[in-house]
């Protein structure tokens, strides 16, 4: 079995080295990567892996970030050029953690009639930035049982996917689904977790907010080609940047020691050192590209499986809320469409009556 990861990165030098080393040690055989105009050391790190023969690099210097289009291209290359049996579409701040065995092991156990497997995203909120390697500081995970109702939040519960190759399929923006395919989705079993670290330091978070806003708000008259839209964090972060108070704003978003203690007591937070320990085993933060050892992923015990089942159930509830929100939106749009002819007819009759 050959597992190929796709990767989209932009100015992710603080994490991308660890991300690639981790996945190569977790069962990934090859990486197809797109560098979207990085201005830090991201490009050099990707080039090093390309010279090592484990990565194919695509350069996209523009600021448009066509997420779905670029992931679709990478997934099709993985299917047609690099012999993938399974494709894992990853962002640079994600670490795909198999629940027992390697990624190869869990994917080998998927019945042949299924071609899409869901992966539960586990979010790690920022901790106070003391300059240490992100995985050493960020060992606090947000529980899906914590109330995250904002549909634009980076920390809401959701799934990503792994899929078998299909040269005609299209990857949805955000990697939440696959269009134009006959591959069947495996439901209610999520053997892989996505450990997600979107905000890792003050500088990285400020840069991310500024670039998101700049790319989604082109100059007057220019076409908007950036997929997606900034969430509330980006909006508030950009405003704080303009006002020269981003450090204060970032500190307000971090889980400090007091918030950590309250979160543990309330069940909204959990201690999770898995990535820290795995990256230590790989020699973090200075990884050796040519001799990455294989990681061991033990099977969860009964207590861990029970807690995971609760988290999956919470995800189901969140999906119902999203479906209801979407249905409400459809109904509102339908009401507006149905009301337009009636309003026009009323205005026409009123004008005719006035003339008479």
Protein backbone atom coordinates (compact mmCIF):
# COMPACT_ATOMS: atom_id res chain seq x y z
CA UNK A 1 0.00 0.00 0.00
CA UNK A 2 1.25 3.47 -0.89
CA UNK A 3 0.03 6.51 1.05
CA UNK A 4 0.62 9.94 -0.48
CA UNK A 5 0.02 13.19 1.44
CA UNK A 6 -0.76 16.49 -0.22
CA UNK A 7 0.30 19.67 1.55
CA UNK A 8 -0.48 23.37 1.12
CA UNK A 9 1.87 25.75 2.93
CA UNK A 10 2.49 29.47 3.12
CA UNK A 11 4.90 31.02 5.62
CA UNK A 12 4.77 27.95 7.87
CA UNK A 13 8.50 27.55 8.62
CA UNK A 14 7.82 27.13 12.33
CA UNK A 15 5.77 23.98 11.75
CA UNK A 16 6.19 22.54 8.25
CA UNK A 17 9.46 20.72 8.98
CA UNK A 18 7.82 18.90 11.89
CA UNK A 19 4.68 18.27 9.85
CA UNK A 20 6.47 16.47 7.02
CA UNK A 21 8.82 14.52 9.31
CA UNK A 22 5.86 13.37 11.40
CA UNK A 23 3.83 12.09 8.46
CA UNK A 24 6.78 10.29 6.88
CA UNK A 25 7.25 8.54 10.23
CA UNK A 26 3.50 7.84 10.56
CA UNK A 27 3.16 5.85 7.33
CA UNK A 28 3.17 8.40 4.50
CA UNK A 29 5.40 7.34 1.60
CA UNK A 30 5.51 10.55 -0.42
CA UNK A 31 4.35 14.19 -0.26
CA UNK A 32 3.00 16.42 -3.03
CA UNK A 33 3.35 19.99 -1.77
CA UNK A 34 2.26 23.42 -2.99
CA UNK A 35 4.15 26.46 -1.69
CA UNK A 36 1.91 29.53 -1.96
CA UNK A 37 4.38 32.39 -2.17
CA UNK A 38 6.13 31.86 1.16
CA UNK A 39 8.37 34.68 2.35
CA UNK A 40 10.05 32.82 5.24
CA UNK A 41 12.09 29.58 5.18
CA UNK A 42 9.17 27.37 4.13
CA UNK A 43 10.35 27.10 0.52
CA UNK A 44 13.86 26.04 1.55
CA UNK A 45 12.49 23.34 3.86
CA UNK A 46 10.27 21.95 1.09
CA UNK A 47 13.20 22.03 -1.35
CA UNK A 48 15.32 20.02 1.10
CA UNK A 49 12.66 17.29 1.21
CA UNK A 50 12.41 17.38 -2.57
CA UNK A 51 16.17 16.81 -2.86
CA UNK A 52 15.78 13.88 -0.48
CA UNK A 53 13.38 12.30 -2.99
CA UNK A 54 10.29 12.20 -0.77
CA UNK A 55 8.49 15.32 -1.99
CA UNK A 56 7.28 16.88 -5.24
CA UNK A 57 7.13 20.67 -5.03
CA UNK A 58 4.70 22.96 -6.89
CA UNK A 59 5.22 26.71 -6.64
CA UNK A 60 2.25 29.10 -6.64
CA UNK A 61 3.61 32.62 -6.07
CA UNK A 62 0.27 34.45 -6.39
CA UNK A 63 -1.70 35.66 -3.37
CA UNK A 64 -5.01 34.12 -4.42
CA UNK A 65 -4.85 30.85 -2.41
CA UNK A 66 -7.18 28.68 -4.53
CA UNK A 67 -7.44 25.97 -1.90
CA UNK A 68 -9.83 23.56 -3.60
CA UNK A 69 -8.25 23.95 -7.04
CA UNK A 70 -4.72 23.35 -5.78
CA UNK A 71 -5.64 20.39 -3.59
CA UNK A 72 -7.53 18.89 -6.51
CA UNK A 73 -4.44 19.22 -8.69
CA UNK A 74 -2.22 17.63 -6.04
CA UNK A 75 -4.68 14.79 -5.40
CA UNK A 76 -4.86 14.04 -9.12
CA UNK A 77 -1.06 14.01 -9.36
CA UNK A 78 -0.94 11.66 -6.38
CA UNK A 79 -3.39 9.39 -8.20
CA UNK A 80 -1.84 9.47 -11.68
CA UNK A 81 1.87 10.21 -11.20
CA UNK A 82 2.84 8.99 -7.75
CA UNK A 83 0.94 5.70 -7.39
CA UNK A 84 -1.22 6.54 -4.38
CA UNK A 85 -3.54 3.91 -2.93
CA UNK A 86 -4.76 6.46 -0.36
CA UNK A 87 -4.47 10.26 -0.37
CA UNK A 88 -4.27 12.40 2.78
CA UNK A 89 -4.94 16.10 2.06
CA UNK A 90 -3.19 18.10 4.76
CA UNK A 91 -2.60 21.70 5.77
CA UNK A 92 0.74 22.63 7.31
CA UNK A 93 -0.76 23.04 10.80
CA UNK A 94 -2.28 19.53 10.85
CA UNK A 95 -0.88 16.25 12.15
CA UNK A 96 -2.92 13.18 11.12
CA UNK A 97 -2.76 10.73 14.01
CA UNK A 98 -3.77 7.07 13.43
CA UNK A 99 -5.64 5.46 16.33
CA UNK A 100 -3.47 2.36 16.63
CA UNK A 101 -0.79 1.23 14.18
CA UNK A 102 0.39 3.47 11.35
CA UNK A 103 -1.70 5.31 8.78
CA UNK A 104 -1.10 2.32 6.52
CA UNK A 105 -2.44 -0.05 9.17
CA UNK A 106 -5.71 1.78 9.77
CA UNK A 107 -6.31 2.36 6.05
CA UNK A 108 -5.58 -1.27 5.22
CA UNK A 109 -8.47 -2.25 7.51
CA UNK A 110 -11.00 -0.15 5.53
CA UNK A 111 -13.30 -2.46 3.49
CA UNK A 112 -12.70 -2.24 -0.24
CA UNK A 113 -16.21 -0.95 -1.00
CA UNK A 114 -15.44 2.33 0.80
CA UNK A 115 -13.24 5.02 -0.70
CA UNK A 116 -13.60 7.98 1.68
CA UNK A 117 -12.76 7.91 5.40
CA UNK A 118 -13.49 10.74 7.82
CA UNK A 119 -10.95 12.08 10.31
CA UNK A 120 -12.00 13.94 13.46
CA UNK A 121 -10.26 17.30 13.93
CA UNK A 122 -8.92 17.97 17.44
CA UNK A 123 -8.06 21.63 18.09
CA UNK A 124 -5.19 22.91 20.22
CA UNK A 125 -5.75 26.54 21.32
CA UNK A 126 -2.76 28.89 21.71
CA UNK A 127 -0.78 29.01 24.93
CA UNK A 128 1.30 32.00 26.10
CA UNK A 129 4.19 32.51 23.70
CA UNK A 130 7.51 32.07 25.52
CA UNK A 131 9.56 31.43 22.39
CA UNK A 132 9.70 27.65 22.88
CA UNK A 133 8.95 25.14 20.11
CA UNK A 134 5.18 25.11 19.59
CA UNK A 135 4.69 21.42 20.42
CA UNK A 136 6.41 21.84 23.78
CA UNK A 137 3.98 24.61 24.79
CA UNK A 138 0.75 23.50 23.15
CA UNK A 139 -0.27 20.42 25.09
CA UNK A 140 -3.82 21.57 25.85
CA UNK A 141 -6.61 20.31 23.61
CA UNK A 142 -10.08 21.78 23.27
CA UNK A 143 -12.77 19.25 24.04
CA UNK A 144 -15.58 18.97 21.45
CA UNK A 145 -17.88 19.22 24.44
CA UNK A 146 -16.85 22.86 24.85
CA UNK A 147 -19.45 25.17 23.37
CA UNK A 148 -18.13 26.51 20.05
CA UNK A 149 -21.22 27.77 18.24
CA UNK A 150 -19.63 30.28 15.86
CA UNK A 151 -19.82 28.68 12.37
CA UNK A 152 -16.75 30.66 11.27
CA UNK A 153 -14.60 29.67 14.25
CA UNK A 154 -11.31 27.83 13.63
CA UNK A 155 -12.12 25.68 16.68
CA UNK A 156 -15.56 24.32 15.79
CA UNK A 157 -15.87 20.51 15.59
CA UNK A 158 -15.71 19.08 12.06
CA UNK A 159 -14.33 16.27 9.91
CA UNK A 160 -11.68 16.11 7.22
CA UNK A 161 -11.18 13.20 4.86
CA UNK A 162 -8.79 10.63 3.45
CA UNK A 163 -9.71 9.08 0.12
CA UNK A 164 -8.70 6.54 -2.46
CA UNK A 165 -7.39 7.91 -5.78
CA UNK A 166 -9.89 9.19 -8.33
CA UNK A 167 -8.35 11.25 -11.18
CA UNK A 168 -11.72 12.86 -11.95
CA UNK A 169 -12.65 13.91 -8.43
CA UNK A 170 -12.60 17.48 -7.11
CA UNK A 171 -11.48 18.28 -3.56
CA UNK A 172 -13.80 20.72 -1.81
CA UNK A 173 -12.22 23.85 -0.29
CA UNK A 174 -11.21 22.99 3.25
CA UNK A 175 -10.91 19.28 2.40
CA UNK A 176 -14.28 18.42 3.93
CA UNK A 177 -15.57 16.44 0.95
CA UNK A 178 -14.96 15.07 -2.53
CA UNK A 179 -17.12 16.01 -5.53
CA UNK A 180 -17.51 14.27 -8.88
CA UNK A 181 -16.70 10.82 -7.57
CA UNK A 182 -18.42 7.48 -7.13
CA UNK A 183 -16.32 6.67 -4.06
CA UNK A 184 -18.48 5.70 -1.08
CA UNK A 185 -17.96 7.37 2.29
CA UNK A 186 -17.46 5.25 5.38
CA UNK A 187 -19.76 6.56 8.10
CA UNK A 188 -19.57 6.51 11.91
CA UNK A 189 -15.98 5.21 12.14
CA UNK A 190 -13.14 7.70 12.33
CA UNK A 191 -9.83 5.83 12.78
CA UNK A 192 -7.67 8.94 12.33
CA UNK A 193 -7.53 12.17 14.34
CA UNK A 194 -6.29 15.48 12.95
CA UNK A 195 -4.30 17.33 15.61
CA UNK A 196 -4.76 20.97 14.60
CA UNK A 197 -2.47 23.86 15.66
CA UNK A 198 -3.72 26.95 13.78
CA UNK A 199 -2.27 29.64 16.12
CA UNK A 200 1.21 28.90 17.43
CA UNK A 201 2.88 32.20 18.28
CA UNK A 202 2.12 35.89 18.33
CA UNK A 203 4.13 36.65 15.18
CA UNK A 204 2.64 33.74 13.24
CA UNK A 205 -0.91 34.63 14.30
CA UNK A 206 -0.50 38.30 13.36
CA UNK A 207 0.97 37.42 9.97
CA UNK A 208 -1.89 35.00 9.33
CA UNK A 209 -4.57 37.57 10.15
CA UNK A 210 -3.01 40.27 8.00
CA UNK A 211 -2.53 38.03 4.97
CA UNK A 212 -6.01 36.53 5.18
CA UNK A 213 -7.61 39.97 5.18
CA UNK A 214 -5.31 41.29 2.44
CA UNK A 215 -6.08 38.33 0.18
CA UNK A 216 -9.84 38.35 0.72
CA UNK A 217 -10.14 42.12 0.18
CA UNK A 218 -8.48 42.89 -3.15
CA UNK A 219 -8.03 46.48 -4.37
CA UNK A 220 -11.12 48.21 -5.71
CA UNK A 221 -12.02 46.83 -9.12
CA UNK A 222 -9.89 43.68 -8.78
CA UNK A 223 -11.49 40.25 -8.85
CA UNK A 224 -11.68 38.32 -5.59
CA UNK A 225 -10.25 34.85 -6.21
CA UNK A 226 -9.32 33.81 -2.68
CA UNK A 227 -11.50 30.87 -1.60
CA UNK A 228 -13.26 31.14 1.71
CA UNK A 229 -13.66 34.18 3.89
CA UNK A 230 -11.92 35.42 7.02
CA UNK A 231 -13.42 34.33 10.31
CA UNK A 232 -14.00 36.50 13.34
CA UNK A 233 -10.48 35.84 14.62
CA UNK A 234 -8.91 37.20 11.43
CA UNK A 235 -11.19 40.24 11.45
CA UNK A 236 -10.46 41.12 15.08
CA UNK A 237 -6.77 40.31 14.68
CA UNK A 238 -6.45 42.56 11.66
CA UNK A 239 -8.19 45.40 13.50
CA UNK A 240 -5.81 44.93 16.44
CA UNK A 241 -2.86 44.96 14.03
CA UNK A 242 -3.97 48.28 12.52
CA UNK A 243 -4.37 49.76 16.01
CA UNK A 244 -0.94 48.54 17.15
CA UNK A 245 -2.30 46.30 19.91
CA UNK A 246 -1.97 42.82 18.45
CA UNK A 247 0.20 41.59 21.33
CA UNK A 248 -2.58 42.47 23.78
CA UNK A 249 -5.18 40.86 21.55
CA UNK A 250 -3.19 37.64 21.13
CA UNK A 251 -2.66 37.37 24.88
CA UNK A 252 -6.44 37.57 25.35
CA UNK A 253 -6.87 34.57 23.03
CA UNK A 254 -4.33 32.37 24.79
CA UNK A 255 -5.15 29.76 27.40
CA UNK A 256 -3.17 30.98 30.40
CA UNK A 257 -2.66 28.94 33.55
CA UNK A 258 -5.87 30.16 35.21
CA UNK A 259 -7.98 29.42 32.11
CA UNK A 260 -6.25 26.06 31.83
CA UNK A 261 -7.20 25.09 35.38
CA UNK A 262 -10.82 26.20 34.88
CA UNK A 263 -11.04 24.39 31.53
CA UNK A 264 -9.82 21.13 33.03
CA UNK A 265 -12.31 21.38 35.87
CA UNK A 266 -15.21 22.14 33.52
CA UNK A 267 -14.25 19.48 30.96
CA UNK A 268 -13.71 22.04 28.19
CA UNK A 269 -9.97 21.32 27.99
CA UNK A 270 -7.85 18.20 28.15
CA UNK A 271 -4.12 17.57 28.47
CA UNK A 272 -2.78 15.96 25.28
CA UNK A 273 0.98 15.46 24.99
CA UNK A 274 0.90 12.97 22.11
CA UNK A 275 2.39 15.24 19.46
CA UNK A 276 5.00 16.66 21.82
CA UNK A 277 6.17 13.16 22.70
CA UNK A 278 6.13 11.96 19.08
CA UNK A 279 8.16 14.92 17.86
CA UNK A 280 10.64 14.48 20.71
CA UNK A 281 11.14 10.91 19.48
CA UNK A 282 11.89 12.30 16.02
CA UNK A 283 14.50 14.71 17.38
CA UNK A 284 12.46 17.92 17.43
CA UNK A 285 13.02 20.69 16.70
CA UNK A 286 16.07 19.63 14.61
CA UNK A 287 14.83 16.69 12.53
CA UNK A 288 17.14 14.54 10.43
CA UNK A 289 15.44 14.21 7.07
CA UNK A 290 17.44 11.26 5.79
CA UNK A 291 16.86 8.97 8.77
CA UNK A 292 13.36 9.56 10.08
CA UNK A 293 12.43 6.62 12.35
CA UNK A 294 8.99 5.04 12.25
CA UNK A 295 6.66 6.15 15.00
CA UNK A 296 4.62 3.74 17.10
CA UNK A 297 0.93 4.50 17.64
CA UNK A 298 -0.51 2.32 20.43
CA UNK A 299 -4.13 1.24 20.39
CA UNK A 300 -6.31 3.38 22.67
CA UNK A 301 -7.46 1.73 25.88
CA UNK A 302 -11.10 1.31 26.88
CA UNK A 303 -11.25 4.63 28.74
CA UNK A 304 -9.80 6.53 25.78
CA UNK A 305 -12.19 4.84 23.37
CA UNK A 306 -15.17 5.76 25.56
CA UNK A 307 -14.07 9.41 25.68
CA UNK A 308 -13.53 9.41 21.92
CA UNK A 309 -17.02 8.01 21.36
CA UNK A 310 -18.46 10.93 23.34
CA UNK A 311 -16.48 13.40 21.23
CA UNK A 312 -17.75 11.78 18.04
CA UNK A 313 -21.32 12.03 19.35
CA UNK A 314 -20.80 15.75 19.97
CA UNK A 315 -19.64 16.08 16.38
CA UNK A 316 -22.92 14.51 15.26
CA UNK A 317 -24.86 17.08 17.25
CA UNK A 318 -22.78 19.89 15.72
CA UNK A 319 -23.53 18.55 12.24
CA UNK A 320 -27.26 18.64 12.99
CA UNK A 321 -26.92 22.30 14.02
CA UNK A 322 -25.10 23.05 10.77
CA UNK A 323 -27.75 21.28 8.72
CA UNK A 324 -30.51 23.22 10.47
CA UNK A 325 -28.63 26.49 9.90
CA UNK A 326 -28.24 25.63 6.23
CA UNK A 327 -31.92 24.69 5.94
CA UNK A 328 -32.90 27.99 7.56
CA UNK A 329 -30.77 29.82 5.02
CA UNK A 330 -32.40 27.99 2.12
CA UNK A 331 -35.86 28.82 3.47
CA UNK A 332 -34.97 32.50 3.81
CA UNK A 333 -33.64 32.68 0.27
CA UNK A 334 -36.71 30.86 -1.04
CA UNK A 335 -39.00 33.31 0.77
CA UNK A 336 -37.15 36.23 -0.79
CA UNK A 337 -37.37 34.71 -4.27
CA UNK A 338 -41.07 33.91 -3.90
CA UNK A 339 -41.78 37.41 -2.57
CA UNK A 340 -40.20 39.32 -5.42
CA UNK A 341 -42.89 38.81 -8.11
CA UNK A 342 -45.61 39.58 -5.60
CA UNK A 343 -43.98 42.84 -4.62
CA UNK A 344 -43.52 43.82 -8.25
CA UNK A 345 -47.17 43.02 -9.01
CA UNK A 346 -48.32 45.11 -6.05
CA UNK A 347 -46.30 48.11 -7.22
CA UNK A 348 -47.68 47.74 -10.77
CA UNK A 349 -51.29 47.59 -9.55
CA UNK A 350 -50.70 50.59 -7.29
CA UNK A 351 -49.36 52.65 -10.21
CA UNK A 352 -52.33 51.65 -12.44
CA UNK A 353 -54.79 52.63 -9.74
CA UNK A 354 -53.04 55.96 -9.24
CA UNK A 355 -53.26 56.71 -12.98
CA UNK A 356 -56.97 55.90 -13.10
